[in-house]
Protein backbone atom coordinates (compact mmCIF):
# COMPACT_ATOMS: atom_id res chain seq x y z
CA UNK A 1 -3.06 36.73 -10.52
CA UNK A 2 -1.80 33.74 -8.52
CA UNK A 3 -4.22 31.33 -6.98
CA UNK A 4 -4.10 30.64 -3.28
CA UNK A 5 -2.67 27.20 -2.55
CA UNK A 6 -5.14 24.52 -1.60
CA UNK A 7 -4.86 23.52 2.03
CA UNK A 8 -6.08 20.12 3.17
CA UNK A 9 -6.83 19.14 6.75
CA UNK A 10 -7.95 15.97 8.47
CA UNK A 11 -9.33 14.96 11.83
CA UNK A 12 -8.66 11.95 14.00
CA UNK A 13 -12.04 10.38 13.24
CA UNK A 14 -11.61 10.76 9.47
CA UNK A 15 -8.13 9.27 9.78
CA UNK A 16 -9.66 6.24 11.51
CA UNK A 17 -12.28 5.91 8.78
CA UNK A 18 -9.52 6.13 6.17
CA UNK A 19 -7.62 3.32 7.89
CA UNK A 20 -10.79 1.24 7.86
CA UNK A 21 -11.28 2.02 4.18
CA UNK A 22 -7.71 0.95 3.41
CA UNK A 23 -8.13 -2.28 5.37
CA UNK A 24 -11.41 -3.03 3.59
CA UNK A 25 -9.92 -2.36 0.14
CA UNK A 26 -6.85 -4.44 1.01
CA UNK A 27 -9.11 -7.31 2.05
CA UNK A 28 -11.10 -6.99 -1.17
CA UNK A 29 -7.87 -7.04 -3.17
CA UNK A 30 -6.80 -10.27 -1.46
CA UNK A 31 -10.27 -11.70 -2.04
CA UNK A 32 -10.10 -10.93 -5.77
CA UNK A 33 -6.66 -12.54 -6.03
CA UNK A 34 -7.87 -15.67 -4.22
CA UNK A 35 -10.91 -15.93 -6.49
CA UNK A 36 -8.68 -15.51 -9.54
CA UNK A 37 -6.56 -18.31 -8.10
CA UNK A 38 -9.55 -20.64 -8.23
CA UNK A 39 -10.96 -20.68 -4.68
CA UNK A 40 -14.75 -20.87 -4.53
CA UNK A 41 -15.66 -22.11 -1.01
CA UNK A 42 -17.57 -19.34 0.83
CA UNK A 43 -15.88 -20.02 4.18
CA UNK A 44 -12.44 -19.96 2.55
CA UNK A 45 -13.25 -16.67 0.80
CA UNK A 46 -14.47 -15.09 4.04
CA UNK A 47 -11.33 -16.23 5.82
CA UNK A 48 -9.06 -14.77 3.15
CA UNK A 49 -11.00 -11.50 3.17
CA UNK A 50 -10.67 -11.18 6.94
CA UNK A 51 -7.01 -12.14 6.88
CA UNK A 52 -6.30 -9.70 4.04
CA UNK A 53 -8.12 -6.90 5.85
CA UNK A 54 -6.26 -7.54 9.11
CA UNK A 55 -2.83 -7.67 7.51
CA UNK A 56 -3.62 -4.65 5.35
CA UNK A 57 -4.56 -2.67 8.44
CA UNK A 58 -1.33 -3.73 10.16
CA UNK A 59 0.80 -2.84 7.13
CA UNK A 60 -0.90 0.51 6.62
CA UNK A 61 -0.50 1.40 10.29
CA UNK A 62 3.09 0.17 10.67
CA UNK A 63 4.61 1.19 7.34
CA UNK A 64 2.49 3.80 5.59
CA UNK A 65 1.33 5.51 8.79
CA UNK A 66 4.71 6.94 9.79
CA UNK A 67 5.41 7.99 6.18
CA UNK A 68 2.02 9.68 6.00
CA UNK A 69 2.65 11.48 9.29
CA UNK A 70 5.95 12.90 8.04
CA UNK A 71 4.33 14.03 4.78
CA UNK A 72 1.36 15.53 6.67
CA UNK A 73 3.61 17.53 9.01
CA UNK A 74 5.66 18.69 6.02
CA UNK A 75 2.48 20.00 4.39
CA UNK A 76 2.47 17.43 1.57
CA UNK A 77 -1.22 16.54 1.79
CA UNK A 78 -2.46 16.21 -1.78
CA UNK A 79 -3.87 13.12 -3.44
CA UNK A 80 -0.67 12.50 -5.39
CA UNK A 81 1.28 12.38 -2.12
CA UNK A 82 -1.07 9.73 -0.73
CA UNK A 83 -0.67 7.70 -3.92
CA UNK A 84 3.12 7.99 -3.73
CA UNK A 85 3.16 6.78 -0.13
CA UNK A 86 0.97 3.78 -0.97
CA UNK A 87 3.03 2.82 -3.99
CA UNK A 88 6.42 3.36 -2.34
CA UNK A 89 5.49 1.41 0.79
CA UNK A 90 4.13 -1.54 -1.18
CA UNK A 91 7.07 -1.54 -3.57
CA UNK A 92 9.63 -1.47 -0.77
CA UNK A 93 7.96 -4.26 1.21
CA UNK A 94 7.45 -6.56 -1.75
CA UNK A 95 10.83 -6.02 -3.42
CA UNK A 96 12.54 -6.54 -0.08
CA UNK A 97 10.60 -9.75 0.50
CA UNK A 98 11.49 -11.14 -2.92
CA UNK A 99 15.19 -10.22 -2.86
CA UNK A 100 16.20 -11.64 0.50
CA UNK A 101 15.97 -8.31 2.28
CA UNK A 102 17.50 -6.36 -0.62
CA UNK A 103 20.41 -8.81 -0.60
CA UNK A 104 21.23 -8.27 3.07
CA UNK A 105 20.04 -11.70 4.24
CA UNK A 106 21.63 -15.01 3.39
CA UNK A 107 20.73 -16.01 -0.14
CA UNK A 108 20.88 -19.41 -1.77
CA UNK A 109 23.82 -19.91 -4.15
CA UNK A 110 22.98 -18.02 -7.31
CA UNK A 111 24.88 -16.73 -10.36
CA UNK A 112 24.91 -13.06 -11.38
CA UNK A 113 22.58 -13.45 -14.37
CA UNK A 114 19.97 -15.23 -12.28
CA UNK A 115 20.31 -12.59 -9.57
CA UNK A 116 19.72 -9.83 -12.12
CA UNK A 117 16.56 -11.56 -13.39
CA UNK A 118 15.40 -12.07 -9.79
CA UNK A 119 15.69 -8.33 -9.15
CA UNK A 120 13.98 -7.37 -12.41
CA UNK A 121 11.18 -9.84 -11.71
CA UNK A 122 10.80 -8.55 -8.14
CA UNK A 123 10.53 -4.93 -9.25
CA UNK A 124 8.09 -5.64 -12.09
CA UNK A 125 5.76 -7.93 -10.14
CA UNK A 126 5.85 -5.58 -7.16
CA UNK A 127 5.01 -2.63 -9.42
CA UNK A 128 1.66 -4.23 -10.24
CA UNK A 129 0.75 -4.40 -6.56
CA UNK A 130 2.19 -0.91 -6.01
CA UNK A 131 -0.34 0.49 -8.50
CA UNK A 132 -3.15 -1.12 -6.51
CA UNK A 133 -1.65 0.25 -3.28
CA UNK A 134 -1.51 3.73 -4.85
CA UNK A 135 -5.21 3.49 -5.68
CA UNK A 136 -5.95 2.40 -2.11
CA UNK A 137 -3.91 5.40 -0.91
CA UNK A 138 -6.03 7.68 -3.09
CA UNK A 139 -9.25 6.26 -1.64
CA UNK A 140 -7.90 6.69 1.89
CA UNK A 141 -6.89 10.28 1.12
CA UNK A 142 -10.39 11.03 -0.15
CA UNK A 143 -11.91 9.75 3.09
CA UNK A 144 -9.38 11.47 5.38
CA UNK A 145 -8.87 14.93 3.91
CA UNK A 146 -11.09 17.94 3.28
CA UNK A 147 -10.07 21.20 1.65
CA UNK A 148 -9.98 24.25 3.89
CA UNK A 149 -11.49 27.28 2.17
């Protein structure tokens, strides 16, 4: 006997709370990185937290929001889909930033071996942040979606 597929729905208010959750977790991630970098001044830490939260909210809204909307309309609403959106968006932004717009912008003179290592380094370092972004996507999904029975 086949099980009925799980259907997940969200509301506008839960979507807003999820965006706030993502911004908060993004700010906390920035705060942890700044503390690991050696900053200890309370005012500096508060500033970095606020800046991280603001830019996380902007990035989530501008980049992950449209991807999430397409996935939502397509019926892809599970936790794994939210994690994939978070990871893919973070990976694309960070790899693009580290590789001169995926090689489309003017690069400094560089040989092929160095360029290869630049790309490998960009993908690997961005993958670490992509894992964190996937976890943030999971937390946002948990806030936003409820199963319809």
